[in-house]
């Protein structure tokens, strides 16, 4: 039996409270114009939280955020290339969100 390849990524649903409303951050990818939450692949010797910290810094330039401890969502599916794709999303609050890239 053939073992399927697996890809694991970690990302974040990023929000801030502004006056009496919540604002959420999504990114538009430069390579394919798809809107998505910031995320990236887990690298060798990283755990999920290491990956989360690295991706938030790389993609958003954010160092100062609060990890909401009671939210963690896993999504898995088999891609059209027969790869098992697993995404883990955390919820973080940051006042550093801006409308321009880092």
PDB file of N, CA and C in Angstrom:
ATOM      1  N   UNK A   1       0.838  -1.182   0.000  1.00  0.00           N
ATOM      2  CA  UNK A   1       0.000   0.000   0.000  1.00  0.00           C
ATOM      3  C   UNK A   1       0.887   1.251   0.000  1.00  0.00           C
ATOM      4  N   UNK A   2       0.501   2.258  -0.732  1.00  0.00           N
ATOM      5  CA  UNK A   2       1.251   3.501  -0.879  1.00  0.00           C
ATOM      6  C   UNK A   2       0.924   4.458   0.275  1.00  0.00           C
ATOM      7  N   UNK A   3       1.964   4.996   0.899  1.00  0.00           N
ATOM      8  CA  UNK A   3       1.764   5.961   1.975  1.00  0.00           C
ATOM      9  C   UNK A   3       1.630   7.356   1.370  1.00  0.00           C
ATOM     10  N   UNK A   4       0.568   8.079   1.763  1.00  0.00           N
ATOM     11  CA  UNK A   4       0.339   9.421   1.219  1.00  0.00           C
ATOM     12  C   UNK A   4       1.268  10.437   1.876  1.00  0.00           C
ATOM     13  N   UNK A   5       1.719  11.385   1.082  1.00  0.00           N
ATOM     14  CA  UNK A   5       2.533  12.489   1.588  1.00  0.00           C
ATOM     15  C   UNK A   5       1.648  13.397   2.433  1.00  0.00           C
ATOM     16  N   UNK A   6       2.236  14.009   3.466  1.00  0.00           N
ATOM     17  CA  UNK A   6       1.479  14.886   4.361  1.00  0.00           C
ATOM     18  C   UNK A   6       2.201  16.226   4.506  1.00  0.00           C
ATOM     19  N   UNK A   7       1.445  17.306   4.410  1.00  0.00           N
ATOM     20  CA  UNK A   7       1.964  18.658   4.634  1.00  0.00           C
ATOM     21  C   UNK A   7       1.247  19.257   5.824  1.00  0.00           C
ATOM     22  N   UNK A   8       2.020  19.849   6.735  1.00  0.00           N
ATOM     23  CA  UNK A   8       1.421  20.487   7.907  1.00  0.00           C
ATOM     24  C   UNK A   8       1.775  21.963   7.924  1.00  0.00           C
ATOM     25  N   UNK A   9       0.776  22.798   8.177  1.00  0.00           N
ATOM     26  CA  UNK A   9       0.961  24.241   8.254  1.00  0.00           C
ATOM     27  C   UNK A   9       0.306  24.771   9.517  1.00  0.00           C
ATOM     28  N   UNK A  10       0.820  25.892   9.986  1.00  0.00           N
ATOM     29  CA  UNK A  10       0.264  26.568  11.159  1.00  0.00           C
ATOM     30  C   UNK A  10       0.011  28.014  10.776  1.00  0.00           C
ATOM     31  N   UNK A  11      -1.115  28.547  11.236  1.00  0.00           N
ATOM     32  CA  UNK A  11      -1.451  29.928  10.944  1.00  0.00           C
ATOM     33  C   UNK A  11      -2.251  30.552  12.057  1.00  0.00           C
ATOM     34  N   UNK A  12      -2.743  31.752  11.783  1.00  0.00           N
ATOM     35  CA  UNK A  12      -3.454  32.496  12.813  1.00  0.00           C
ATOM     36  C   UNK A  12      -4.625  33.271  12.236  1.00  0.00           C
ATOM     37  N   UNK A  13      -5.665  33.313  13.018  1.00  0.00           N
ATOM     38  CA  UNK A  13      -6.748  34.256  12.803  1.00  0.00           C
ATOM     39  C   UNK A  13      -6.379  35.434  13.697  1.00  0.00           C
ATOM     40  N   UNK A  14      -6.057  36.561  13.072  1.00  0.00           N
ATOM     41  CA  UNK A  14      -5.549  37.731  13.797  1.00  0.00           C
ATOM     42  C   UNK A  14      -6.652  38.769  13.891  1.00  0.00           C
ATOM     43  N   UNK A  15      -6.864  39.302  15.106  1.00  0.00           N
ATOM     44  CA  UNK A  15      -7.887  40.321  15.278  1.00  0.00           C
ATOM     45  C   UNK A  15      -7.411  41.400  16.244  1.00  0.00           C
ATOM     46  N   UNK A  16      -8.129  42.507  16.199  1.00  0.00           N
ATOM     47  CA  UNK A  16      -7.975  43.541  17.215  1.00  0.00           C
ATOM     48  C   UNK A  16      -9.340  44.153  17.452  1.00  0.00           C
ATOM     49  N   UNK A  17      -9.526  44.684  18.638  1.00  0.00           N
ATOM     50  CA  UNK A  17     -10.762  45.394  18.944  1.00  0.00           C
ATOM     51  C   UNK A  17     -10.487  46.875  18.769  1.00  0.00           C
ATOM     52  N   UNK A  18     -11.273  47.508  17.916  1.00  0.00           N
ATOM     53  CA  UNK A  18     -11.117  48.925  17.603  1.00  0.00           C
ATOM     54  C   UNK A  18     -12.425  49.613  17.946  1.00  0.00           C
ATOM     55  N   UNK A  19     -12.400  50.460  18.942  1.00  0.00           N
ATOM     56  CA  UNK A  19     -13.604  51.084  19.482  1.00  0.00           C
ATOM     57  C   UNK A  19     -14.575  49.983  19.914  1.00  0.00           C
ATOM     58  N   UNK A  20     -15.721  49.870  19.304  1.00  0.00           N
ATOM     59  CA  UNK A  20     -16.694  48.853  19.696  1.00  0.00           C
ATOM     60  C   UNK A  20     -16.874  47.783  18.627  1.00  0.00           C
ATOM     61  N   UNK A  21     -15.838  47.548  17.833  1.00  0.00           N
ATOM     62  CA  UNK A  21     -15.942  46.525  16.790  1.00  0.00           C
ATOM     63  C   UNK A  21     -14.644  45.719  16.728  1.00  0.00           C
ATOM     64  N   UNK A  22     -14.755  44.540  16.147  1.00  0.00           N
ATOM     65  CA  UNK A  22     -13.590  43.695  15.937  1.00  0.00           C
ATOM     66  C   UNK A  22     -13.165  43.792  14.483  1.00  0.00           C
ATOM     67  N   UNK A  23     -11.851  43.836  14.258  1.00  0.00           N
ATOM     68  CA  UNK A  23     -11.299  43.815  12.913  1.00  0.00           C
ATOM     69  C   UNK A  23     -10.442  42.568  12.781  1.00  0.00           C
ATOM     70  N   UNK A  24     -10.592  41.859  11.644  1.00  0.00           N
ATOM     71  CA  UNK A  24      -9.829  40.651  11.388  1.00  0.00           C
ATOM     72  C   UNK A  24      -8.911  40.877  10.202  1.00  0.00           C
ATOM     73  N   UNK A  25      -7.773  40.227  10.219  1.00  0.00           N
ATOM     74  CA  UNK A  25      -6.771  40.397   9.178  1.00  0.00           C
ATOM     75  C   UNK A  25      -6.756  39.185   8.261  1.00  0.00           C
ATOM     76  N   UNK A  26      -6.848  39.433   6.960  1.00  0.00           N
ATOM     77  CA  UNK A  26      -6.603  38.400   5.960  1.00  0.00           C
ATOM     78  C   UNK A  26      -5.623  38.973   4.944  1.00  0.00           C
ATOM     79  N   UNK A  27      -4.880  38.091   4.303  1.00  0.00           N
ATOM     80  CA  UNK A  27      -3.853  38.504   3.353  1.00  0.00           C
ATOM     81  C   UNK A  27      -4.229  38.062   1.950  1.00  0.00           C
ATOM     82  N   UNK A  28      -3.874  38.874   0.972  1.00  0.00           N
ATOM     83  CA  UNK A  28      -4.052  38.494  -0.429  1.00  0.00           C
ATOM     84  C   UNK A  28      -2.685  38.063  -0.951  1.00  0.00           C
ATOM     85  N   UNK A  29      -2.586  36.789  -1.337  1.00  0.00           N
ATOM     86  CA  UNK A  29      -1.313  36.247  -1.802  1.00  0.00           C
ATOM     87  C   UNK A  29      -0.879  36.916  -3.098  1.00  0.00           C
ATOM     88  N   UNK A  30       0.396  37.217  -3.202  1.00  0.00           N
ATOM     89  CA  UNK A  30       0.931  37.846  -4.405  1.00  0.00           C
ATOM     90  C   UNK A  30       1.024  36.857  -5.570  1.00  0.00           C
ATOM     91  N   UNK A  31       1.209  35.557  -5.261  1.00  0.00           N
ATOM     92  CA  UNK A  31       1.426  34.588  -6.337  1.00  0.00           C
ATOM     93  C   UNK A  31       0.152  34.119  -7.027  1.00  0.00           C
ATOM     94  N   UNK A  32      -0.993  34.115  -6.299  1.00  0.00           N
ATOM     95  CA  UNK A  32      -2.215  33.618  -6.938  1.00  0.00           C
ATOM     96  C   UNK A  32      -3.463  34.439  -6.593  1.00  0.00           C
ATOM     97  N   UNK A  33      -3.290  35.539  -5.886  1.00  0.00           N
ATOM     98  CA  UNK A  33      -4.377  36.480  -5.553  1.00  0.00           C
ATOM     99  C   UNK A  33      -5.484  35.854  -4.705  1.00  0.00           C
ATOM    100  N   UNK A  34      -5.172  34.785  -3.980  1.00  0.00           N
ATOM    101  CA  UNK A  34      -6.148  34.167  -3.075  1.00  0.00           C
ATOM    102  C   UNK A  34      -6.043  34.829  -1.706  1.00  0.00           C
ATOM    103  N   UNK A  35      -7.196  35.118  -1.101  1.00  0.00           N
ATOM    104  CA  UNK A  35      -7.253  35.693   0.238  1.00  0.00           C
ATOM    105  C   UNK A  35      -7.188  34.564   1.259  1.00  0.00           C
ATOM    106  N   UNK A  36      -6.354  34.734   2.290  1.00  0.00           N
ATOM    107  CA  UNK A  36      -6.227  33.712   3.322  1.00  0.00           C
ATOM    108  C   UNK A  36      -5.640  34.296   4.599  1.00  0.00           C
ATOM    109  N   UNK A  37      -5.720  33.516   5.660  1.00  0.00           N
ATOM    110  CA  UNK A  37      -5.096  33.899   6.919  1.00  0.00           C
ATOM    111  C   UNK A  37      -3.590  33.661   6.811  1.00  0.00           C
ATOM    112  N   UNK A  38      -2.779  34.417   7.563  1.00  0.00           N
ATOM    113  CA  UNK A  38      -1.337  34.176   7.536  1.00  0.00           C
ATOM    114  C   UNK A  38      -1.030  32.775   8.055  1.00  0.00           C
ATOM    115  N   UNK A  39      -0.167  32.059   7.330  1.00  0.00           N
ATOM    116  CA  UNK A  39       0.179  30.693   7.715  1.00  0.00           C
ATOM    117  C   UNK A  39       1.431  30.261   6.981  1.00  0.00           C
ATOM    118  N   UNK A  40       1.998  29.137   7.417  1.00  0.00           N
ATOM    119  CA  UNK A  40       3.166  28.591   6.750  1.00  0.00           C
ATOM    120  C   UNK A  40       3.468  27.185   7.215  1.00  0.00           C
ATOM    121  N   UNK A  41       4.336  26.505   6.481  1.00  0.00           N
ATOM    122  CA  UNK A  41       4.701  25.127   6.783  1.00  0.00           C
ATOM    123  C   UNK A  41       5.559  25.033   8.046  1.00  0.00           C
ATOM    124  N   UNK A  42       5.364  23.947   8.762  1.00  0.00           N
ATOM    125  CA  UNK A  42       6.204  23.646   9.920  1.00  0.00           C
ATOM    126  C   UNK A  42       7.563  23.195   9.401  1.00  0.00           C
ATOM    127  N   UNK A  43       8.610  23.844   9.874  1.00  0.00           N
ATOM    128  CA  UNK A  43       9.962  23.484   9.452  1.00  0.00           C
ATOM    129  C   UNK A  43      10.549  22.447  10.408  1.00  0.00           C
ATOM    130  N   UNK A  44      11.604  21.810   9.951  1.00  0.00           N
ATOM    131  CA  UNK A  44      12.266  20.781  10.758  1.00  0.00           C
ATOM    132  C   UNK A  44      12.633  21.346  12.128  1.00  0.00           C
ATOM    133  N   UNK A  45      12.399  20.565  13.160  1.00  0.00           N
ATOM    134  CA  UNK A  45      12.710  20.906  14.556  1.00  0.00           C
ATOM    135  C   UNK A  45      11.844  22.034  15.123  1.00  0.00           C
ATOM    136  N   UNK A  46      10.748  22.387  14.455  1.00  0.00           N
ATOM    137  CA  UNK A  46       9.803  23.379  14.995  1.00  0.00           C
ATOM    138  C   UNK A  46       8.578  22.660  15.535  1.00  0.00           C
ATOM    139  N   UNK A  47       7.991  23.245  16.585  1.00  0.00           N
ATOM    140  CA  UNK A  47       6.664  22.802  17.010  1.00  0.00           C
ATOM    141  C   UNK A  47       5.655  23.818  16.470  1.00  0.00           C
ATOM    142  N   UNK A  48       4.384  23.597  16.731  1.00  0.00           N
ATOM    143  CA  UNK A  48       3.348  24.480  16.179  1.00  0.00           C
ATOM    144  C   UNK A  48       3.531  25.931  16.616  1.00  0.00           C
ATOM    145  N   UNK A  49       3.817  26.155  17.896  1.00  0.00           N
ATOM    146  CA  UNK A  49       3.935  27.532  18.384  1.00  0.00           C
ATOM    147  C   UNK A  49       5.194  28.227  17.854  1.00  0.00           C
ATOM    148  N   UNK A  50       6.272  27.463  17.633  1.00  0.00           N
ATOM    149  CA  UNK A  50       7.468  28.041  16.999  1.00  0.00           C
ATOM    150  C   UNK A  50       7.129  28.516  15.585  1.00  0.00           C
ATOM    151  N   UNK A  51       6.401  27.676  14.851  1.00  0.00           N
ATOM    152  CA  UNK A  51       6.004  28.019  13.488  1.00  0.00           C
ATOM    153  C   UNK A  51       5.092  29.241  13.489  1.00  0.00           C
ATOM    154  N   UNK A  52       4.134  29.273  14.403  1.00  0.00           N
ATOM    155  CA  UNK A  52       3.220  30.409  14.503  1.00  0.00           C
ATOM    156  C   UNK A  52       4.002  31.706  14.723  1.00  0.00           C
ATOM    157  N   UNK A  53       4.910  31.689  15.672  1.00  0.00           N
ATOM    158  CA  UNK A  53       5.699  32.889  15.978  1.00  0.00           C
ATOM    159  C   UNK A  53       6.514  33.339  14.763  1.00  0.00           C
ATOM    160  N   UNK A  54       7.166  32.387  14.093  1.00  0.00           N
ATOM    161  CA  UNK A  54       7.987  32.720  12.922  1.00  0.00           C
ATOM    162  C   UNK A  54       7.136  33.281  11.787  1.00  0.00           C
ATOM    163  N   UNK A  55       6.005  32.641  11.507  1.00  0.00           N
ATOM    164  CA  UNK A  55       5.155  33.082  10.394  1.00  0.00           C
ATOM    165  C   UNK A  55       4.545  34.458  10.659  1.00  0.00           C
ATOM    166  N   UNK A  56       4.115  34.714  11.875  1.00  0.00           N
ATOM    167  CA  UNK A  56       3.539  36.026  12.203  1.00  0.00           C
ATOM    168  C   UNK A  56       4.593  37.120  12.031  1.00  0.00           C
ATOM    169  N   UNK A  57       5.819  36.831  12.445  1.00  0.00           N
ATOM    170  CA  UNK A  57       6.888  37.813  12.264  1.00  0.00           C
ATOM    171  C   UNK A  57       7.239  37.983  10.786  1.00  0.00           C
ATOM    172  N   UNK A  58       7.393  36.879  10.041  1.00  0.00           N
ATOM    173  CA  UNK A  58       7.766  36.958   8.627  1.00  0.00           C
ATOM    174  C   UNK A  58       6.695  37.623   7.773  1.00  0.00           C
ATOM    175  N   UNK A  59       5.447  37.238   7.960  1.00  0.00           N
ATOM    176  CA  UNK A  59       4.384  37.718   7.074  1.00  0.00           C
ATOM    177  C   UNK A  59       3.776  39.042   7.507  1.00  0.00           C
ATOM    178  N   UNK A  60       3.790  39.331   8.808  1.00  0.00           N
ATOM    179  CA  UNK A  60       3.120  40.533   9.298  1.00  0.00           C
ATOM    180  C   UNK A  60       4.049  41.514   9.989  1.00  0.00           C
ATOM    181  N   UNK A  61       5.238  41.082  10.366  1.00  0.00           N
ATOM    182  CA  UNK A  61       6.149  41.942  11.109  1.00  0.00           C
ATOM    183  C   UNK A  61       5.678  42.206  12.526  1.00  0.00           C
ATOM    184  N   UNK A  62       4.867  41.299  13.071  1.00  0.00           N
ATOM    185  CA  UNK A  62       4.299  41.482  14.408  1.00  0.00           C
ATOM    186  C   UNK A  62       5.062  40.637  15.426  1.00  0.00           C
ATOM    187  N   UNK A  63       5.534  41.284  16.492  1.00  0.00           N
ATOM    188  CA  UNK A  63       6.178  40.604  17.612  1.00  0.00           C
ATOM    189  C   UNK A  63       5.284  40.557  18.841  1.00  0.00           C
ATOM    190  N   UNK A  64       4.426  41.550  18.946  1.00  0.00           N
ATOM    191  CA  UNK A  64       3.636  41.743  20.159  1.00  0.00           C
ATOM    192  C   UNK A  64       2.195  41.325  19.902  1.00  0.00           C
ATOM    193  N   UNK A  65       1.827  40.163  20.435  1.00  0.00           N
ATOM    194  CA  UNK A  65       0.456  39.681  20.277  1.00  0.00           C
ATOM    195  C   UNK A  65       0.087  38.821  21.472  1.00  0.00           C
ATOM    196  N   UNK A  66      -1.195  38.571  21.610  1.00  0.00           N
ATOM    197  CA  UNK A  66      -1.709  37.738  22.694  1.00  0.00           C
ATOM    198  C   UNK A  66      -2.323  36.488  22.067  1.00  0.00           C
ATOM    199  N   UNK A  67      -1.855  35.332  22.488  1.00  0.00           N
ATOM    200  CA  UNK A  67      -2.412  34.065  22.042  1.00  0.00           C
ATOM    201  C   UNK A  67      -3.652  33.758  22.880  1.00  0.00           C
ATOM    202  N   UNK A  68      -4.792  33.604  22.222  1.00  0.00           N
ATOM    203  CA  UNK A  68      -6.041  33.285  22.920  1.00  0.00           C
ATOM    204  C   UNK A  68      -6.029  31.780  23.199  1.00  0.00           C
ATOM    205  N   UNK A  69      -5.957  31.415  24.455  1.00  0.00           N
ATOM    206  CA  UNK A  69      -5.641  30.036  24.832  1.00  0.00           C
ATOM    207  C   UNK A  69      -6.743  29.020  24.569  1.00  0.00           C
ATOM    208  N   UNK A  70      -7.974  29.423  24.432  1.00  0.00           N
ATOM    209  CA  UNK A  70      -9.046  28.431  24.271  1.00  0.00           C
ATOM    210  C   UNK A  70      -9.506  28.267  22.822  1.00  0.00           C
ATOM    211  N   UNK A  71      -8.651  28.640  21.863  1.00  0.00           N
ATOM    212  CA  UNK A  71      -9.002  28.488  20.446  1.00  0.00           C
ATOM    213  C   UNK A  71      -7.858  27.821  19.700  1.00  0.00           C
ATOM    214  N   UNK A  72      -8.154  26.689  19.082  1.00  0.00           N
ATOM    215  CA  UNK A  72      -7.219  25.997  18.202  1.00  0.00           C
ATOM    216  C   UNK A  72      -8.081  25.160  17.268  1.00  0.00           C
ATOM    217  N   UNK A  73      -7.980  25.424  15.979  1.00  0.00           N
ATOM    218  CA  UNK A  73      -8.829  24.738  14.992  1.00  0.00           C
ATOM    219  C   UNK A  73      -7.953  23.989  14.001  1.00  0.00           C
ATOM    220  N   UNK A  74      -8.265  22.709  13.782  1.00  0.00           N
ATOM    221  CA  UNK A  74      -7.538  21.896  12.804  1.00  0.00           C
ATOM    222  C   UNK A  74      -8.443  21.616  11.613  1.00  0.00           C
ATOM    223  N   UNK A  75      -7.861  21.760  10.419  1.00  0.00           N
ATOM    224  CA  UNK A  75      -8.569  21.483   9.177  1.00  0.00           C
ATOM    225  C   UNK A  75      -7.688  20.548   8.358  1.00  0.00           C
ATOM    226  N   UNK A  76      -8.261  19.462   7.868  1.00  0.00           N
ATOM    227  CA  UNK A  76      -7.509  18.517   7.039  1.00  0.00           C
ATOM    228  C   UNK A  76      -8.307  18.173   5.791  1.00  0.00           C
ATOM    229  N   UNK A  77      -7.584  17.958   4.691  1.00  0.00           N
ATOM    230  CA  UNK A  77      -8.222  17.485   3.464  1.00  0.00           C
ATOM    231  C   UNK A  77      -7.167  16.841   2.582  1.00  0.00           C
ATOM    232  N   UNK A  78      -7.610  16.101   1.593  1.00  0.00           N
ATOM    233  CA  UNK A  78      -6.701  15.509   0.612  1.00  0.00           C
ATOM    234  C   UNK A  78      -6.762  16.379  -0.639  1.00  0.00           C
ATOM    235  N   UNK A  79      -5.608  16.888  -1.038  1.00  0.00           N
ATOM    236  CA  UNK A  79      -5.551  17.808  -2.182  1.00  0.00           C
ATOM    237  C   UNK A  79      -5.741  17.056  -3.496  1.00  0.00           C
ATOM    238  N   UNK A  80      -5.857  17.821  -4.567  1.00  0.00           N
ATOM    239  CA  UNK A  80      -6.017  17.229  -5.902  1.00  0.00           C
ATOM    240  C   UNK A  80      -4.764  16.469  -6.335  1.00  0.00           C
ATOM    241  N   UNK A  81      -3.634  16.743  -5.655  1.00  0.00           N
ATOM    242  CA  UNK A  81      -2.386  16.017  -5.933  1.00  0.00           C
ATOM    243  C   UNK A  81      -2.205  14.829  -4.986  1.00  0.00           C
ATOM    244  N   UNK A  82      -3.281  14.445  -4.283  1.00  0.00           N
ATOM    245  CA  UNK A  82      -3.278  13.300  -3.352  1.00  0.00           C
ATOM    246  C   UNK A  82      -2.307  13.500  -2.189  1.00  0.00           C
ATOM    247  N   UNK A  83      -2.253  14.719  -1.680  1.00  0.00           N
ATOM    248  CA  UNK A  83      -1.442  15.047  -0.515  1.00  0.00           C
ATOM    249  C   UNK A  83      -2.391  15.367   0.639  1.00  0.00           C
ATOM    250  N   UNK A  84      -2.119  14.800   1.804  1.00  0.00           N
ATOM    251  CA  UNK A  84      -2.913  15.139   2.989  1.00  0.00           C
ATOM    252  C   UNK A  84      -2.420  16.487   3.491  1.00  0.00           C
ATOM    253  N   UNK A  85      -3.290  17.478   3.486  1.00  0.00           N
ATOM    254  CA  UNK A  85      -2.929  18.826   3.941  1.00  0.00           C
ATOM    255  C   UNK A  85      -3.620  19.089   5.267  1.00  0.00           C
ATOM    256  N   UNK A  86      -2.833  19.431   6.268  1.00  0.00           N
ATOM    257  CA  UNK A  86      -3.366  19.736   7.597  1.00  0.00           C
ATOM    258  C   UNK A  86      -2.983  21.159   7.974  1.00  0.00           C
ATOM    259  N   UNK A  87      -3.981  21.925   8.390  1.00  0.00           N
ATOM    260  CA  UNK A  87      -3.772  23.301   8.832  1.00  0.00           C
ATOM    261  C   UNK A  87      -4.217  23.406  10.284  1.00  0.00           C
ATOM    262  N   UNK A  88      -3.411  24.064  11.100  1.00  0.00           N
ATOM    263  CA  UNK A  88      -3.773  24.340  12.484  1.00  0.00           C
ATOM    264  C   UNK A  88      -3.783  25.859  12.624  1.00  0.00           C
ATOM    265  N   UNK A  89      -4.917  26.387  13.072  1.00  0.00           N
ATOM    266  CA  UNK A  89      -5.050  27.829  13.249  1.00  0.00           C
ATOM    267  C   UNK A  89      -5.238  28.174  14.710  1.00  0.00           C
ATOM    268  N   UNK A  90      -4.501  29.193  15.136  1.00  0.00           N
ATOM    269  CA  UNK A  90      -4.633  29.758  16.471  1.00  0.00           C
ATOM    270  C   UNK A  90      -5.295  31.119  16.342  1.00  0.00           C
ATOM    271  N   UNK A  91      -5.845  31.608  17.422  1.00  0.00           N
ATOM    272  CA  UNK A  91      -6.461  32.934  17.472  1.00  0.00           C
ATOM    273  C   UNK A  91      -5.520  33.849  18.237  1.00  0.00           C
ATOM    274  N   UNK A  92      -5.173  34.977  17.609  1.00  0.00           N
ATOM    275  CA  UNK A  92      -4.310  35.933  18.305  1.00  0.00           C
ATOM    276  C   UNK A  92      -4.886  37.341  18.195  1.00  0.00           C
ATOM    277  N   UNK A  93      -4.634  38.099  19.232  1.00  0.00           N
ATOM    278  CA  UNK A  93      -5.044  39.497  19.285  1.00  0.00           C
ATOM    279  C   UNK A  93      -3.791  40.353  19.173  1.00  0.00           C
ATOM    280  N   UNK A  94      -3.850  41.382  18.331  1.00  0.00           N
ATOM    281  CA  UNK A  94      -2.705  42.266  18.180  1.00  0.00           C
ATOM    282  C   UNK A  94      -3.162  43.676  17.869  1.00  0.00           C
ATOM    283  N   UNK A  95      -2.615  44.600  18.581  1.00  0.00           N
ATOM    284  CA  UNK A  95      -2.876  46.014  18.299  1.00  0.00           C
ATOM    285  C   UNK A  95      -1.939  46.533  17.214  1.00  0.00           C
ATOM    286  N   UNK A  96      -0.987  45.706  16.784  1.00  0.00           N
ATOM    287  CA  UNK A  96      -0.015  46.112  15.771  1.00  0.00           C
ATOM    288  C   UNK A  96      -0.535  45.960  14.348  1.00  0.00           C
ATOM    289  N   UNK A  97      -1.736  45.431  14.171  1.00  0.00           N
ATOM    290  CA  UNK A  97      -2.299  45.262  12.823  1.00  0.00           C
ATOM    291  C   UNK A  97      -2.353  46.608  12.111  1.00  0.00           C
ATOM    292  N   UNK A  98      -1.908  46.618  10.875  1.00  0.00           N
ATOM    293  CA  UNK A  98      -1.995  47.829  10.055  1.00  0.00           C
ATOM    294  C   UNK A  98      -2.534  47.444   8.691  1.00  0.00           C
ATOM    295  N   UNK A  99      -2.845  48.436   7.897  1.00  0.00           N
ATOM    296  CA  UNK A  99      -3.355  48.163   6.553  1.00  0.00           C
ATOM    297  C   UNK A  99      -2.246  48.059   5.521  1.00  0.00           C
ATOM    298  N   UNK A 100      -1.001  48.248   5.938  1.00  0.00           N
ATOM    299  CA  UNK A 100       0.104  48.149   4.986  1.00  0.00           C
ATOM    300  C   UNK A 100       1.043  47.020   5.399  1.00  0.00           C
ATOM    301  N   UNK A 101       1.724  46.383   4.427  1.00  0.00           N
ATOM    302  CA  UNK A 101       2.618  45.284   4.742  1.00  0.00           C
ATOM    303  C   UNK A 101       3.829  45.750   5.518  1.00  0.00           C
ATOM    304  N   UNK A 102       4.502  44.806   6.242  1.00  0.00           N
ATOM    305  CA  UNK A 102       5.695  45.174   7.018  1.00  0.00           C
ATOM    306  C   UNK A 102       6.847  45.604   6.152  1.00  0.00           C
TER     307      UNK A 102
END
